Amino acid sequence: MIINADLHIHSRYSGATSDKMNIETISLEAPRKGIDVMATGDCLHSGWIKEIKTCDTIDDGTFEMNGTHFILSTEVEGLHRVHHLLYFPLFFCC
């Protein structure tokens, strides 16, 4: 089975990102690009956590809205501006 995924996005809570990057809009636009699974990005931000939780829960760390599946992710910047993508099996807070 082939699954198209976008594993690096930023929510509207990230600097220099459009306010239109909310969970509902992402869930509606992803299929238009042929994307089945989206990483949430910024899943440690309290405002974004609230939006993610408006999705239907598939299991501890997988969510669905409008047919688009989401997995929990965030990005951290390390030494020399190297960016690391982190994926979580479930919410560790809230």
PDB file of N, CA and C in Angstrom:
ATOM      1  N   MET A   1       0.839  -1.162   0.000  1.00  0.00           N
ATOM      2  CA  MET A   1       0.000   0.000   0.000  1.00  0.00           C
ATOM      3  C   MET A   1       0.901   1.248   0.000  1.00  0.00           C
ATOM      4  N   ILE A   2       0.539   2.216  -0.812  1.00  0.00           N
ATOM      5  CA  ILE A   2       1.279   3.475  -0.871  1.00  0.00           C
ATOM      6  C   ILE A   2       0.517   4.521  -0.061  1.00  0.00           C
ATOM      7  N   ILE A   3       1.251   5.203   0.810  1.00  0.00           N
ATOM      8  CA  ILE A   3       0.681   6.273   1.620  1.00  0.00           C
ATOM      9  C   ILE A   3       1.513   7.520   1.381  1.00  0.00           C
ATOM     10  N   ASN A   4       0.868   8.603   1.000  1.00  0.00           N
ATOM     11  CA  ASN A   4       1.560   9.883   0.838  1.00  0.00           C
ATOM     12  C   ASN A   4       1.450  10.660   2.145  1.00  0.00           C
ATOM     13  N   ALA A   5       2.600  11.125   2.643  1.00  0.00           N
ATOM     14  CA  ALA A   5       2.619  11.819   3.928  1.00  0.00           C
ATOM     15  C   ALA A   5       3.433  13.099   3.825  1.00  0.00           C
ATOM     16  N   ASP A   6       3.002  14.090   4.572  1.00  0.00           N
ATOM     17  CA  ASP A   6       3.771  15.322   4.755  1.00  0.00           C
ATOM     18  C   ASP A   6       4.176  15.342   6.216  1.00  0.00           C
ATOM     19  N   LEU A   7       5.450  15.120   6.479  1.00  0.00           N
ATOM     20  CA  LEU A   7       5.922  14.940   7.844  1.00  0.00           C
ATOM     21  C   LEU A   7       6.621  16.160   8.419  1.00  0.00           C
ATOM     22  N   HIS A   8       6.479  17.314   7.738  1.00  0.00           N
ATOM     23  CA  HIS A   8       7.101  18.529   8.260  1.00  0.00           C
ATOM     24  C   HIS A   8       6.252  19.736   7.905  1.00  0.00           C
ATOM     25  N   ILE A   9       5.430  20.152   8.853  1.00  0.00           N
ATOM     26  CA  ILE A   9       4.635  21.368   8.673  1.00  0.00           C
ATOM     27  C   ILE A   9       4.775  22.236   9.919  1.00  0.00           C
ATOM     28  N   HIS A  10       4.265  23.442   9.830  1.00  0.00           N
ATOM     29  CA  HIS A  10       4.188  24.339  10.980  1.00  0.00           C
ATOM     30  C   HIS A  10       2.748  24.792  11.125  1.00  0.00           C
ATOM     31  N   SER A  11       2.303  24.872  12.353  1.00  0.00           N
ATOM     32  CA  SER A  11       0.944  25.330  12.634  1.00  0.00           C
ATOM     33  C   SER A  11       0.905  26.856  12.600  1.00  0.00           C
ATOM     34  N   ARG A  12      -0.272  27.393  12.774  1.00  0.00           N
ATOM     35  CA  ARG A  12      -0.420  28.853  12.818  1.00  0.00           C
ATOM     36  C   ARG A  12       0.216  29.453  14.062  1.00  0.00           C
ATOM     37  N   TYR A  13       0.635  28.599  15.003  1.00  0.00           N
ATOM     38  CA  TYR A  13       1.286  29.080  16.221  1.00  0.00           C
ATOM     39  C   TYR A  13       2.793  29.243  16.050  1.00  0.00           C
ATOM     40  N   SER A  14       3.306  28.882  14.907  1.00  0.00           N
ATOM     41  CA  SER A  14       4.730  29.034  14.618  1.00  0.00           C
ATOM     42  C   SER A  14       4.959  30.403  13.977  1.00  0.00           C
ATOM     43  N   GLY A  15       6.111  31.001  14.237  1.00  0.00           N
ATOM     44  CA  GLY A  15       6.413  32.307  13.672  1.00  0.00           C
ATOM     45  C   GLY A  15       6.395  32.297  12.155  1.00  0.00           C
ATOM     46  N   ALA A  16       5.931  33.381  11.564  1.00  0.00           N
ATOM     47  CA  ALA A  16       5.903  33.580  10.111  1.00  0.00           C
ATOM     48  C   ALA A  16       5.080  32.527   9.378  1.00  0.00           C
ATOM     49  N   THR A  17       4.041  32.010  10.048  1.00  0.00           N
ATOM     50  CA  THR A  17       3.150  31.027   9.431  1.00  0.00           C
ATOM     51  C   THR A  17       1.740  31.620   9.385  1.00  0.00           C
ATOM     52  N   SER A  18       1.037  31.363   8.306  1.00  0.00           N
ATOM     53  CA  SER A  18      -0.301  31.917   8.103  1.00  0.00           C
ATOM     54  C   SER A  18      -1.275  31.493   9.197  1.00  0.00           C
ATOM     55  N   ASP A  19      -2.171  32.415   9.573  1.00  0.00           N
ATOM     56  CA  ASP A  19      -3.243  32.094  10.513  1.00  0.00           C
ATOM     57  C   ASP A  19      -4.210  31.069   9.928  1.00  0.00           C
ATOM     58  N   LYS A  20      -4.164  30.874   8.627  1.00  0.00           N
ATOM     59  CA  LYS A  20      -5.042  29.898   7.974  1.00  0.00           C
ATOM     60  C   LYS A  20      -4.572  28.457   8.173  1.00  0.00           C
ATOM     61  N   MET A  21      -3.396  28.289   8.766  1.00  0.00           N
ATOM     62  CA  MET A  21      -2.868  26.941   8.998  1.00  0.00           C
ATOM     63  C   MET A  21      -3.467  26.360  10.277  1.00  0.00           C
ATOM     64  N   ASN A  22      -4.793  26.203  10.258  1.00  0.00           N
ATOM     65  CA  ASN A  22      -5.472  25.570  11.385  1.00  0.00           C
ATOM     66  C   ASN A  22      -5.765  24.120  11.025  1.00  0.00           C
ATOM     67  N   ILE A  23      -6.099  23.316  12.021  1.00  0.00           N
ATOM     68  CA  ILE A  23      -6.228  21.871  11.810  1.00  0.00           C
ATOM     69  C   ILE A  23      -7.336  21.538  10.800  1.00  0.00           C
ATOM     70  N   GLU A  24      -8.436  22.282  10.828  1.00  0.00           N
ATOM     71  CA  GLU A  24      -9.524  21.989   9.899  1.00  0.00           C
ATOM     72  C   GLU A  24      -9.127  22.295   8.451  1.00  0.00           C
ATOM     73  N   THR A  25      -8.520  23.450   8.222  1.00  0.00           N
ATOM     74  CA  THR A  25      -8.090  23.794   6.861  1.00  0.00           C
ATOM     75  C   THR A  25      -7.061  22.798   6.345  1.00  0.00           C
ATOM     76  N   ILE A  26      -6.110  22.430   7.185  1.00  0.00           N
ATOM     77  CA  ILE A  26      -5.100  21.447   6.772  1.00  0.00           C
ATOM     78  C   ILE A  26      -5.776  20.127   6.402  1.00  0.00           C
ATOM     79  N   SER A  27      -6.769  19.718   7.206  1.00  0.00           N
ATOM     80  CA  SER A  27      -7.449  18.447   6.930  1.00  0.00           C
ATOM     81  C   SER A  27      -8.220  18.483   5.615  1.00  0.00           C
ATOM     82  N   LEU A  28      -8.702  19.647   5.224  1.00  0.00           N
ATOM     83  CA  LEU A  28      -9.441  19.777   3.966  1.00  0.00           C
ATOM     84  C   LEU A  28      -8.518  19.922   2.762  1.00  0.00           C
ATOM     85  N   GLU A  29      -7.389  20.570   2.939  1.00  0.00           N
ATOM     86  CA  GLU A  29      -6.478  20.828   1.822  1.00  0.00           C
ATOM     87  C   GLU A  29      -5.526  19.662   1.531  1.00  0.00           C
ATOM     88  N   ALA A  30      -5.191  18.881   2.526  1.00  0.00           N
ATOM     89  CA  ALA A  30      -4.257  17.767   2.318  1.00  0.00           C
ATOM     90  C   ALA A  30      -4.713  16.812   1.210  1.00  0.00           C
ATOM     91  N   PRO A  31      -5.972  16.376   1.192  1.00  0.00           N
ATOM     92  CA  PRO A  31      -6.396  15.471   0.116  1.00  0.00           C
ATOM     93  C   PRO A  31      -6.296  16.088  -1.280  1.00  0.00           C
ATOM     94  N   ARG A  32      -6.446  17.399  -1.378  1.00  0.00           N
ATOM     95  CA  ARG A  32      -6.320  18.071  -2.677  1.00  0.00           C
ATOM     96  C   ARG A  32      -4.911  17.911  -3.237  1.00  0.00           C
ATOM     97  N   LYS A  33      -3.931  17.711  -2.349  1.00  0.00           N
ATOM     98  CA  LYS A  33      -2.544  17.503  -2.759  1.00  0.00           C
ATOM     99  C   LYS A  33      -2.181  16.024  -2.777  1.00  0.00           C
ATOM    100  N   GLY A  34      -3.147  15.164  -2.510  1.00  0.00           N
ATOM    101  CA  GLY A  34      -2.895  13.730  -2.517  1.00  0.00           C
ATOM    102  C   GLY A  34      -2.227  13.228  -1.251  1.00  0.00           C
ATOM    103  N   ILE A  35      -2.352  13.969  -0.161  1.00  0.00           N
ATOM    104  CA  ILE A  35      -1.703  13.592   1.090  1.00  0.00           C
ATOM    105  C   ILE A  35      -2.702  12.867   1.987  1.00  0.00           C
ATOM    106  N   ASP A  36      -2.289  11.689   2.469  1.00  0.00           N
ATOM    107  CA  ASP A  36      -3.126  10.866   3.331  1.00  0.00           C
ATOM    108  C   ASP A  36      -2.845  11.097   4.813  1.00  0.00           C
ATOM    109  N   VAL A  37      -1.574  11.319   5.147  1.00  0.00           N
ATOM    110  CA  VAL A  37      -1.146  11.464   6.537  1.00  0.00           C
ATOM    111  C   VAL A  37      -0.348  12.757   6.679  1.00  0.00           C
ATOM    112  N   MET A  38      -0.708  13.535   7.692  1.00  0.00           N
ATOM    113  CA  MET A  38      -0.003  14.781   7.990  1.00  0.00           C
ATOM    114  C   MET A  38       0.612  14.672   9.377  1.00  0.00           C
ATOM    115  N   ALA A  39       1.823  15.173   9.518  1.00  0.00           N
ATOM    116  CA  ALA A  39       2.375  15.381  10.851  1.00  0.00           C
ATOM    117  C   ALA A  39       1.770  16.682  11.365  1.00  0.00           C
ATOM    118  N   THR A  40       1.537  16.766  12.656  1.00  0.00           N
ATOM    119  CA  THR A  40       0.883  17.969  13.187  1.00  0.00           C
ATOM    120  C   THR A  40       1.821  19.157  13.257  1.00  0.00           C
ATOM    121  N   GLY A  41       3.115  18.900  13.496  1.00  0.00           N
ATOM    122  CA  GLY A  41       4.014  20.006  13.786  1.00  0.00           C
ATOM    123  C   GLY A  41       3.572  20.703  15.067  1.00  0.00           C
ATOM    124  N   ASP A  42       4.479  21.307  15.774  1.00  0.00           N
ATOM    125  CA  ASP A  42       4.182  22.163  16.933  1.00  0.00           C
ATOM    126  C   ASP A  42       3.271  21.516  17.982  1.00  0.00           C
ATOM    127  N   CYS A  43       3.292  20.191  18.124  1.00  0.00           N
ATOM    128  CA  CYS A  43       2.332  19.518  19.015  1.00  0.00           C
ATOM    129  C   CYS A  43       2.594  19.766  20.495  1.00  0.00           C
ATOM    130  N   LEU A  44       3.606  20.556  20.825  1.00  0.00           N
ATOM    131  CA  LEU A  44       3.853  20.889  22.229  1.00  0.00           C
ATOM    132  C   LEU A  44       3.243  22.235  22.614  1.00  0.00           C
ATOM    133  N   HIS A  45       2.663  22.943  21.661  1.00  0.00           N
ATOM    134  CA  HIS A  45       2.050  24.250  21.916  1.00  0.00           C
ATOM    135  C   HIS A  45       0.630  24.045  22.442  1.00  0.00           C
ATOM    136  N   SER A  46       0.301  24.670  23.560  1.00  0.00           N
ATOM    137  CA  SER A  46      -0.994  24.440  24.209  1.00  0.00           C
ATOM    138  C   SER A  46      -2.189  24.795  23.314  1.00  0.00           C
ATOM    139  N   GLY A  47      -2.092  25.875  22.559  1.00  0.00           N
ATOM    140  CA  GLY A  47      -3.177  26.240  21.652  1.00  0.00           C
ATOM    141  C   GLY A  47      -3.359  25.221  20.540  1.00  0.00           C
ATOM    142  N   TRP A  48      -2.255  24.719  20.037  1.00  0.00           N
ATOM    143  CA  TRP A  48      -2.314  23.732  18.954  1.00  0.00           C
ATOM    144  C   TRP A  48      -2.805  22.392  19.489  1.00  0.00           C
ATOM    145  N   ILE A  49      -2.442  22.051  20.716  1.00  0.00           N
ATOM    146  CA  ILE A  49      -2.938  20.817  21.334  1.00  0.00           C
ATOM    147  C   ILE A  49      -4.468  20.848  21.373  1.00  0.00           C
ATOM    148  N   LYS A  50      -5.040  21.990  21.753  1.00  0.00           N
ATOM    149  CA  LYS A  50      -6.499  22.113  21.799  1.00  0.00           C
ATOM    150  C   LYS A  50      -7.114  21.863  20.424  1.00  0.00           C
ATOM    151  N   GLU A  51      -6.486  22.404  19.371  1.00  0.00           N
ATOM    152  CA  GLU A  51      -7.006  22.184  18.020  1.00  0.00           C
ATOM    153  C   GLU A  51      -6.870  20.729  17.601  1.00  0.00           C
ATOM    154  N   ILE A  52      -5.724  20.129  17.886  1.00  0.00           N
ATOM    155  CA  ILE A  52      -5.521  18.722  17.530  1.00  0.00           C
ATOM    156  C   ILE A  52      -6.588  17.854  18.192  1.00  0.00           C
ATOM    157  N   LYS A  53      -6.919  18.187  19.431  1.00  0.00           N
ATOM    158  CA  LYS A  53      -7.895  17.387  20.174  1.00  0.00           C
ATOM    159  C   LYS A  53      -9.321  17.544  19.653  1.00  0.00           C
ATOM    160  N   THR A  54      -9.563  18.462  18.696  1.00  0.00           N
ATOM    161  CA  THR A  54     -10.885  18.544  18.065  1.00  0.00           C
ATOM    162  C   THR A  54     -11.044  17.454  17.009  1.00  0.00           C
ATOM    163  N   CYS A  55      -9.950  16.809  16.648  1.00  0.00           N
ATOM    164  CA  CYS A  55      -9.994  15.688  15.700  1.00  0.00           C
ATOM    165  C   CYS A  55     -10.570  14.455  16.395  1.00  0.00           C
ATOM    166  N   ASP A  56     -11.022  13.500  15.599  1.00  0.00           N
ATOM    167  CA  ASP A  56     -11.411  12.209  16.140  1.00  0.00           C
ATOM    168  C   ASP A  56     -10.136  11.446  16.480  1.00  0.00           C
ATOM    169  N   THR A  57     -10.134  10.752  17.601  1.00  0.00           N
ATOM    170  CA  THR A  57      -8.970   9.978  18.011  1.00  0.00           C
ATOM    171  C   THR A  57      -9.057   8.585  17.415  1.00  0.00           C
ATOM    172  N   ILE A  58      -8.011   8.201  16.671  1.00  0.00           N
ATOM    173  CA  ILE A  58      -7.939   6.851  16.111  1.00  0.00           C
ATOM    174  C   ILE A  58      -7.329   5.923  17.160  1.00  0.00           C
ATOM    175  N   ASP A  59      -6.205   6.344  17.732  1.00  0.00           N
ATOM    176  CA  ASP A  59      -5.570   5.691  18.871  1.00  0.00           C
ATOM    177  C   ASP A  59      -4.794   6.753  19.621  1.00  0.00           C
ATOM    178  N   ASP A  60      -3.917   6.377  20.533  1.00  0.00           N
ATOM    179  CA  ASP A  60      -3.257   7.365  21.395  1.00  0.00           C
ATOM    180  C   ASP A  60      -2.578   8.508  20.648  1.00  0.00           C
ATOM    181  N   GLY A  61      -1.919   8.238  19.538  1.00  0.00           N
ATOM    182  CA  GLY A  61      -1.166   9.279  18.858  1.00  0.00           C
ATOM    183  C   GLY A  61      -1.565   9.519  17.415  1.00  0.00           C
ATOM    184  N   THR A  62      -2.707   8.991  17.008  1.00  0.00           N
ATOM    185  CA  THR A  62      -3.183   9.159  15.639  1.00  0.00           C
ATOM    186  C   THR A  62      -4.580   9.757  15.667  1.00  0.00           C
ATOM    187  N   PHE A  63      -4.777  10.780  14.852  1.00  0.00           N
ATOM    188  CA  PHE A  63      -6.032  11.510  14.847  1.00  0.00           C
ATOM    189  C   PHE A  63      -6.546  11.624  13.421  1.00  0.00           C
ATOM    190  N   GLU A  64      -7.839  11.929  13.273  1.00  0.00           N
ATOM    191  CA  GLU A  64      -8.434  12.038  11.941  1.00  0.00           C
ATOM    192  C   GLU A  64      -9.444  13.166  11.916  1.00  0.00           C
ATOM    193  N   MET A  65      -9.409  13.924  10.831  1.00  0.00           N
ATOM    194  CA  MET A  65     -10.424  14.939  10.574  1.00  0.00           C
ATOM    195  C   MET A  65     -10.624  15.011   9.075  1.00  0.00           C
ATOM    196  N   ASN A  66     -11.871  14.944   8.644  1.00  0.00           N
ATOM    197  CA  ASN A  66     -12.225  15.046   7.219  1.00  0.00           C
ATOM    198  C   ASN A  66     -11.453  14.048   6.356  1.00  0.00           C
ATOM    199  N   GLY A  67     -11.186  12.866   6.901  1.00  0.00           N
ATOM    200  CA  GLY A  67     -10.501  11.824   6.140  1.00  0.00           C
ATOM    201  C   GLY A  67      -8.987  11.934   6.134  1.00  0.00           C
ATOM    202  N   THR A  68      -8.439  12.996   6.708  1.00  0.00           N
ATOM    203  CA  THR A  68      -6.984  13.163   6.797  1.00  0.00           C
ATOM    204  C   THR A  68      -6.523  12.659   8.159  1.00  0.00           C
ATOM    205  N   HIS A  69      -5.493  11.831   8.155  1.00  0.00           N
ATOM    206  CA  HIS A  69      -4.923  11.322   9.399  1.00  0.00           C
ATOM    207  C   HIS A  69      -3.760  12.210   9.825  1.00  0.00           C
ATOM    208  N   PHE A  70      -3.608  12.370  11.128  1.00  0.00           N
ATOM    209  CA  PHE A  70      -2.531  13.176  11.700  1.00  0.00           C
ATOM    210  C   PHE A  70      -1.741  12.346  12.699  1.00  0.00           C
ATOM    211  N   ILE A  71      -0.419  12.550  12.704  1.00  0.00           N
ATOM    212  CA  ILE A  71       0.438  11.988  13.744  1.00  0.00           C
ATOM    213  C   ILE A  71       1.106  13.146  14.467  1.00  0.00           C
ATOM    214  N   LEU A  72       1.381  12.972  15.737  1.00  0.00           N
ATOM    215  CA  LEU A  72       1.947  14.040  16.563  1.00  0.00           C
ATOM    216  C   LEU A  72       3.412  14.278  16.229  1.00  0.00           C
ATOM    217  N   SER A  73       3.761  15.543  16.016  1.00  0.00           N
ATOM    218  CA  SER A  73       5.155  15.876  15.704  1.00  0.00           C
ATOM    219  C   SER A  73       5.483  17.294  16.154  1.00  0.00           C
ATOM    220  N   THR A  74       6.762  17.547  16.251  1.00  0.00           N
ATOM    221  CA  THR A  74       7.274  18.892  16.476  1.00  0.00           C
ATOM    222  C   THR A  74       8.680  18.955  15.896  1.00  0.00           C
ATOM    223  N   GLU A  75       9.258  20.131  15.921  1.00  0.00           N
ATOM    224  CA  GLU A  75      10.609  20.339  15.400  1.00  0.00           C
ATOM    225  C   GLU A  75      11.420  21.091  16.455  1.00  0.00           C
ATOM    226  N   VAL A  76      12.655  20.683  16.637  1.00  0.00           N
ATOM    227  CA  VAL A  76      13.558  21.417  17.518  1.00  0.00           C
ATOM    228  C   VAL A  76      14.818  21.754  16.734  1.00  0.00           C
ATOM    229  N   GLU A  77      15.396  22.883  17.092  1.00  0.00           N
ATOM    230  CA  GLU A  77      16.621  23.330  16.424  1.00  0.00           C
ATOM    231  C   GLU A  77      17.802  23.023  17.323  1.00  0.00           C
ATOM    232  N   GLY A  78      18.778  22.337  16.763  1.00  0.00           N
ATOM    233  CA  GLY A  78      19.965  21.983  17.517  1.00  0.00           C
ATOM    234  C   GLY A  78      21.146  22.869  17.156  1.00  0.00           C
ATOM    235  N   LEU A  79      22.287  22.392  17.492  1.00  0.00           N
ATOM    236  CA  LEU A  79      23.535  23.091  17.235  1.00  0.00           C
ATOM    237  C   LEU A  79      23.705  23.357  15.738  1.00  0.00           C
ATOM    238  N   HIS A  80      24.217  24.499  15.388  1.00  0.00           N
ATOM    239  CA  HIS A  80      24.478  24.889  13.996  1.00  0.00           C
ATOM    240  C   HIS A  80      23.202  24.934  13.153  1.00  0.00           C
ATOM    241  N   ARG A  81      22.071  25.269  13.808  1.00  0.00           N
ATOM    242  CA  ARG A  81      20.778  25.414  13.125  1.00  0.00           C
ATOM    243  C   ARG A  81      20.306  24.139  12.447  1.00  0.00           C
ATOM    244  N   VAL A  82      20.758  23.002  12.915  1.00  0.00           N
ATOM    245  CA  VAL A  82      20.256  21.723  12.410  1.00  0.00           C
ATOM    246  C   VAL A  82      18.876  21.496  13.012  1.00  0.00           C
ATOM    247  N   HIS A  83      17.890  21.201  12.182  1.00  0.00           N
ATOM    248  CA  HIS A  83      16.533  20.981  12.645  1.00  0.00           C
ATOM    249  C   HIS A  83      16.264  19.487  12.748  1.00  0.00           C
ATOM    250  N   HIS A  84      15.641  19.106  13.849  1.00  0.00           N
ATOM    251  CA  HIS A  84      15.316  17.703  14.104  1.00  0.00           C
ATOM    252  C   HIS A  84      13.801  17.565  14.191  1.00  0.00           C
ATOM    253  N   LEU A  85      13.248  16.613  13.467  1.00  0.00           N
ATOM    254  CA  LEU A  85      11.816  16.350  13.531  1.00  0.00           C
ATOM    255  C   LEU A  85      11.582  15.249  14.552  1.00  0.00           C
ATOM    256  N   LEU A  86      10.659  15.489  15.474  1.00  0.00           N
ATOM    257  CA  LEU A  86      10.341  14.529  16.525  1.00  0.00           C
ATOM    258  C   LEU A  86       8.899  14.069  16.345  1.00  0.00           C
ATOM    259  N   TYR A  87       8.680  12.768  16.495  1.00  0.00           N
ATOM    260  CA  TYR A  87       7.346  12.181  16.384  1.00  0.00           C
ATOM    261  C   TYR A  87       7.012  11.500  17.700  1.00  0.00           C
ATOM    262  N   PHE A  88       5.773  11.635  18.144  1.00  0.00           N
ATOM    263  CA  PHE A  88       5.354  11.143  19.454  1.00  0.00           C
ATOM    264  C   PHE A  88       4.267  10.073  19.304  1.00  0.00           C
ATOM    265  N   PRO A  89       4.338   9.028  20.121  1.00  0.00           N
ATOM    266  CA  PRO A  89       3.322   7.984  20.049  1.00  0.00           C
ATOM    267  C   PRO A  89       2.020   8.373  20.742  1.00  0.00           C
ATOM    268  N   LEU A  90       2.062   9.420  21.598  1.00  0.00           N
ATOM    269  CA  LEU A  90       0.873   9.879  22.301  1.00  0.00           C
ATOM    270  C   LEU A  90       1.169  11.227  22.953  1.00  0.00           C
ATOM    271  N   PHE A  91       0.128  11.888  23.438  1.00  0.00           N
ATOM    272  CA  PHE A  91       0.331  13.129  24.181  1.00  0.00           C
ATOM    273  C   PHE A  91       0.939  12.780  25.531  1.00  0.00           C
ATOM    274  N   PHE A  92       1.998  13.468  25.912  1.00  0.00           N
ATOM    275  CA  PHE A  92       2.618  13.228  27.205  1.00  0.00           C
ATOM    276  C   PHE A  92       2.165  14.260  28.233  1.00  0.00           C
ATOM    277  N   CYS A  93       1.326  15.148  27.810  1.00  0.00           N
ATOM    278  CA  CYS A  93       0.809  16.182  28.705  1.00  0.00           C
ATOM    279  C   CYS A  93      -0.695  16.236  28.558  1.00  0.00           C
ATOM    280  N   CYS A  94      -1.309  17.102  29.270  1.00  0.00           N
ATOM    281  CA  CYS A  94      -2.744  17.427  29.148  1.00  0.00           C
ATOM    282  C   CYS A  94      -3.606  16.203  29.101  1.00  0.00           C
TER     283      CYS A  94
END
